[in-house]
Amino acid sequence: MSDHPKSERVRTAAAAGGCTIDVVTFPEGTRTAADAARALECDVAQIVKSLVFDASGELVLALTSGANQVDTTALAALAEQPACGRANADQVRAVTGYAIGGIPPFAHDTPIRTWLDPHLLTMDQVWGAAGTPDTVFAIDPSVLVQLTGAIVAEFTA
């Protein structure tokens, strides 16, 4: 269990949405999907990557399976923008309130349009970052859709 304020913020946001989560800390870190899968001894596909993109000036969030890569052309089309690329660290922190490597799928500083990879819905349980690079939580992917307000759509390569 983590007592970190960022993780507590994620736990509180989940509770406000009617979901109880247990935050797990891994001192060796869970910064990447591969790191998290190793620490959790699960398939990398069960890891939710929370990736912020700059879609022609609008920051958007893509929640994708750790096994998949985002197709930026497809994400730009979903956002109805001409182009899309990874947001930089300052942009990410400004909109979410978290550093890259610990971005949770919800509990952000600013509302952000969010899309969710349908592959995540094929899992019984997925794992998301809990606000720091060494904390994660498990969640039913259908509950994750409800908590994030994400649009389920294909945007992976």
Protein backbone atom coordinates (compact mmCIF):
# COMPACT_ATOMS: atom_id res chain seq x y z
CA MET A 1 0.00 0.00 0.00
CA SER A 2 1.26 3.46 -0.85
CA ASP A 3 0.87 6.53 1.31
CA HIS A 4 2.10 8.82 -1.46
CA PRO A 5 -0.24 11.82 -1.97
CA LYS A 6 -0.44 11.15 -5.73
CA SER A 7 -1.55 7.56 -5.11
CA GLU A 8 -4.02 8.69 -2.47
CA ARG A 9 -5.47 11.10 -5.04
CA VAL A 10 -6.02 8.19 -7.46
CA ARG A 11 -7.58 6.06 -4.70
CA THR A 12 -9.90 8.94 -3.72
CA ALA A 13 -10.97 9.55 -7.33
CA ALA A 14 -11.75 5.85 -7.76
CA ALA A 15 -13.81 5.87 -4.56
CA ALA A 16 -15.72 8.94 -5.75
CA GLY A 17 -16.61 6.89 -8.84
CA GLY A 18 -17.83 4.01 -6.69
CA CYS A 19 -14.74 1.81 -7.05
CA THR A 20 -12.37 0.63 -4.34
CA ILE A 21 -8.80 0.09 -5.50
CA ASP A 22 -5.77 -1.26 -3.70
CA VAL A 23 -2.56 0.55 -4.57
CA VAL A 24 0.49 -1.71 -4.70
CA THR A 25 4.05 -0.33 -4.46
CA PHE A 26 7.02 -1.91 -6.23
CA PRO A 27 10.31 -0.34 -5.07
CA GLU A 28 12.04 -1.57 -8.23
CA GLY A 29 9.61 0.55 -10.24
CA THR A 30 6.84 0.06 -12.78
CA ARG A 31 7.71 2.97 -15.09
CA THR A 32 7.21 1.00 -18.33
CA ALA A 33 4.61 -1.59 -19.29
CA ALA A 34 7.35 -4.24 -19.38
CA ASP A 35 8.58 -3.23 -15.90
CA ALA A 36 5.05 -3.42 -14.51
CA ALA A 37 4.33 -6.79 -16.12
CA ARG A 38 7.55 -8.22 -14.67
CA ALA A 39 6.79 -6.88 -11.19
CA LEU A 40 3.20 -8.11 -11.29
CA GLU A 41 4.05 -11.41 -13.01
CA CYS A 42 1.30 -10.81 -15.56
CA ASP A 43 1.08 -10.47 -19.31
CA VAL A 44 2.19 -7.09 -20.66
CA ALA A 45 -1.19 -6.90 -22.44
CA GLN A 46 -2.82 -6.45 -18.99
CA ILE A 47 -0.91 -3.21 -18.36
CA VAL A 48 -2.79 0.01 -19.15
CA LYS A 49 -0.48 2.55 -20.73
CA SER A 50 -1.78 6.10 -20.08
CA LEU A 51 -0.26 8.10 -22.93
CA VAL A 52 -0.82 11.80 -23.52
CA PHE A 53 -0.73 13.08 -27.09
CA ASP A 54 -0.78 16.55 -28.60
CA ALA A 55 -3.48 16.52 -31.29
CA SER A 56 -2.84 19.80 -33.08
CA GLY A 57 -2.78 21.73 -29.81
CA GLU A 58 -5.37 19.69 -27.88
CA LEU A 59 -3.94 17.25 -25.37
CA VAL A 60 -5.72 13.88 -25.45
CA LEU A 61 -5.27 10.65 -23.52
CA ALA A 62 -4.91 7.19 -25.05
CA LEU A 63 -5.38 4.23 -22.70
CA THR A 64 -3.88 1.26 -24.46
CA SER A 65 -2.79 -2.27 -23.70
CA GLY A 66 0.90 -2.60 -22.89
CA ALA A 67 1.15 -4.96 -25.85
CA ASN A 68 -0.07 -2.36 -28.35
CA GLN A 69 1.31 0.80 -29.94
CA VAL A 70 -0.77 3.89 -30.67
CA ASP A 71 -1.37 4.71 -34.32
CA THR A 72 -1.13 8.51 -34.17
CA THR A 73 -2.93 8.93 -37.49
CA ALA A 74 -5.91 6.95 -36.16
CA LEU A 75 -5.87 8.88 -32.86
CA ALA A 76 -5.76 12.21 -34.73
CA ALA A 77 -8.78 11.12 -36.76
CA LEU A 78 -10.68 10.21 -33.58
CA ALA A 79 -9.80 13.60 -32.11
CA GLU A 80 -10.87 15.23 -35.39
CA GLN A 81 -7.47 16.90 -35.66
CA PRO A 82 -5.05 16.93 -38.61
CA ALA A 83 -2.06 15.58 -36.68
CA CYS A 84 -1.09 13.92 -33.44
CA GLY A 85 2.21 13.29 -31.65
CA ARG A 86 3.45 12.48 -28.17
CA ALA A 87 3.11 15.34 -25.68
CA ASN A 88 6.27 16.46 -23.93
CA ALA A 89 6.90 16.01 -20.21
CA ASP A 90 5.87 19.57 -19.34
CA GLN A 91 2.60 19.27 -21.27
CA VAL A 92 1.86 15.93 -19.60
CA ARG A 93 2.46 17.26 -16.10
CA ALA A 94 0.46 20.45 -16.81
CA VAL A 95 -2.68 18.59 -17.90
CA THR A 96 -2.52 15.48 -15.69
CA GLY A 97 -0.57 16.62 -12.63
CA TYR A 98 1.65 13.53 -12.89
CA ALA A 99 5.07 12.70 -14.32
CA ILE A 100 5.51 10.36 -17.28
CA GLY A 101 5.86 6.82 -15.96
CA GLY A 102 3.23 7.26 -13.26
CA ILE A 103 0.25 8.73 -15.12
CA PRO A 104 -2.97 7.12 -13.91
CA PRO A 105 -5.90 6.65 -16.30
CA PHE A 106 -8.02 9.12 -14.26
CA ALA A 107 -7.70 11.68 -11.41
CA HIS A 108 -6.09 14.33 -13.61
CA ASP A 109 -5.73 18.05 -12.90
CA THR A 110 -7.64 18.98 -16.06
CA PRO A 111 -10.40 17.11 -17.89
CA ILE A 112 -8.92 15.41 -20.95
CA ARG A 113 -10.65 13.63 -23.83
CA THR A 114 -9.82 9.96 -23.47
CA TRP A 115 -9.92 6.92 -25.74
CA LEU A 116 -9.55 3.31 -24.60
CA ASP A 117 -8.08 0.43 -26.59
CA PRO A 118 -10.84 -2.24 -26.96
CA HIS A 119 -8.20 -4.94 -26.45
CA LEU A 120 -8.20 -4.02 -22.74
CA LEU A 121 -11.86 -5.10 -22.53
CA THR A 122 -10.86 -8.68 -23.39
CA MET A 123 -9.10 -8.98 -20.00
CA ASP A 124 -10.73 -9.86 -16.68
CA GLN A 125 -8.39 -7.45 -14.89
CA VAL A 126 -5.94 -4.77 -15.98
CA TRP A 127 -3.32 -2.75 -14.10
CA GLY A 128 -2.90 1.02 -14.25
CA ALA A 129 -0.34 3.41 -12.81
CA ALA A 130 -1.39 4.89 -9.47
CA GLY A 131 0.24 8.29 -9.74
CA THR A 132 3.92 7.42 -9.25
CA PRO A 133 6.47 5.37 -11.22
CA ASP A 134 6.41 2.62 -8.58
CA THR A 135 2.68 2.25 -7.82
CA VAL A 136 -0.09 0.39 -9.64
CA PHE A 137 -3.65 -0.79 -9.06
CA ALA A 138 -5.84 -3.54 -10.51
CA ILE A 139 -9.23 -2.79 -12.02
CA ASP A 140 -11.93 -4.42 -14.12
CA PRO A 141 -11.57 -2.81 -17.57
CA SER A 142 -15.31 -2.13 -17.86
CA VAL A 143 -15.13 -0.19 -14.59
CA LEU A 144 -12.12 1.67 -15.99
CA VAL A 145 -14.27 2.82 -18.93
CA GLN A 146 -16.89 4.14 -16.49
CA LEU A 147 -14.34 5.95 -14.29
CA THR A 148 -12.52 7.59 -17.19
CA GLY A 149 -15.48 8.36 -19.44
CA ALA A 150 -13.29 6.98 -22.22
CA ILE A 151 -14.54 6.34 -25.72
CA VAL A 152 -13.75 2.75 -26.72
CA ALA A 153 -12.25 2.87 -30.21
CA GLU A 154 -9.56 1.30 -32.38
CA PHE A 155 -6.41 3.44 -32.49
CA THR A 156 -3.57 0.93 -32.30
CA ALA A 157 -1.13 -0.13 -34.99
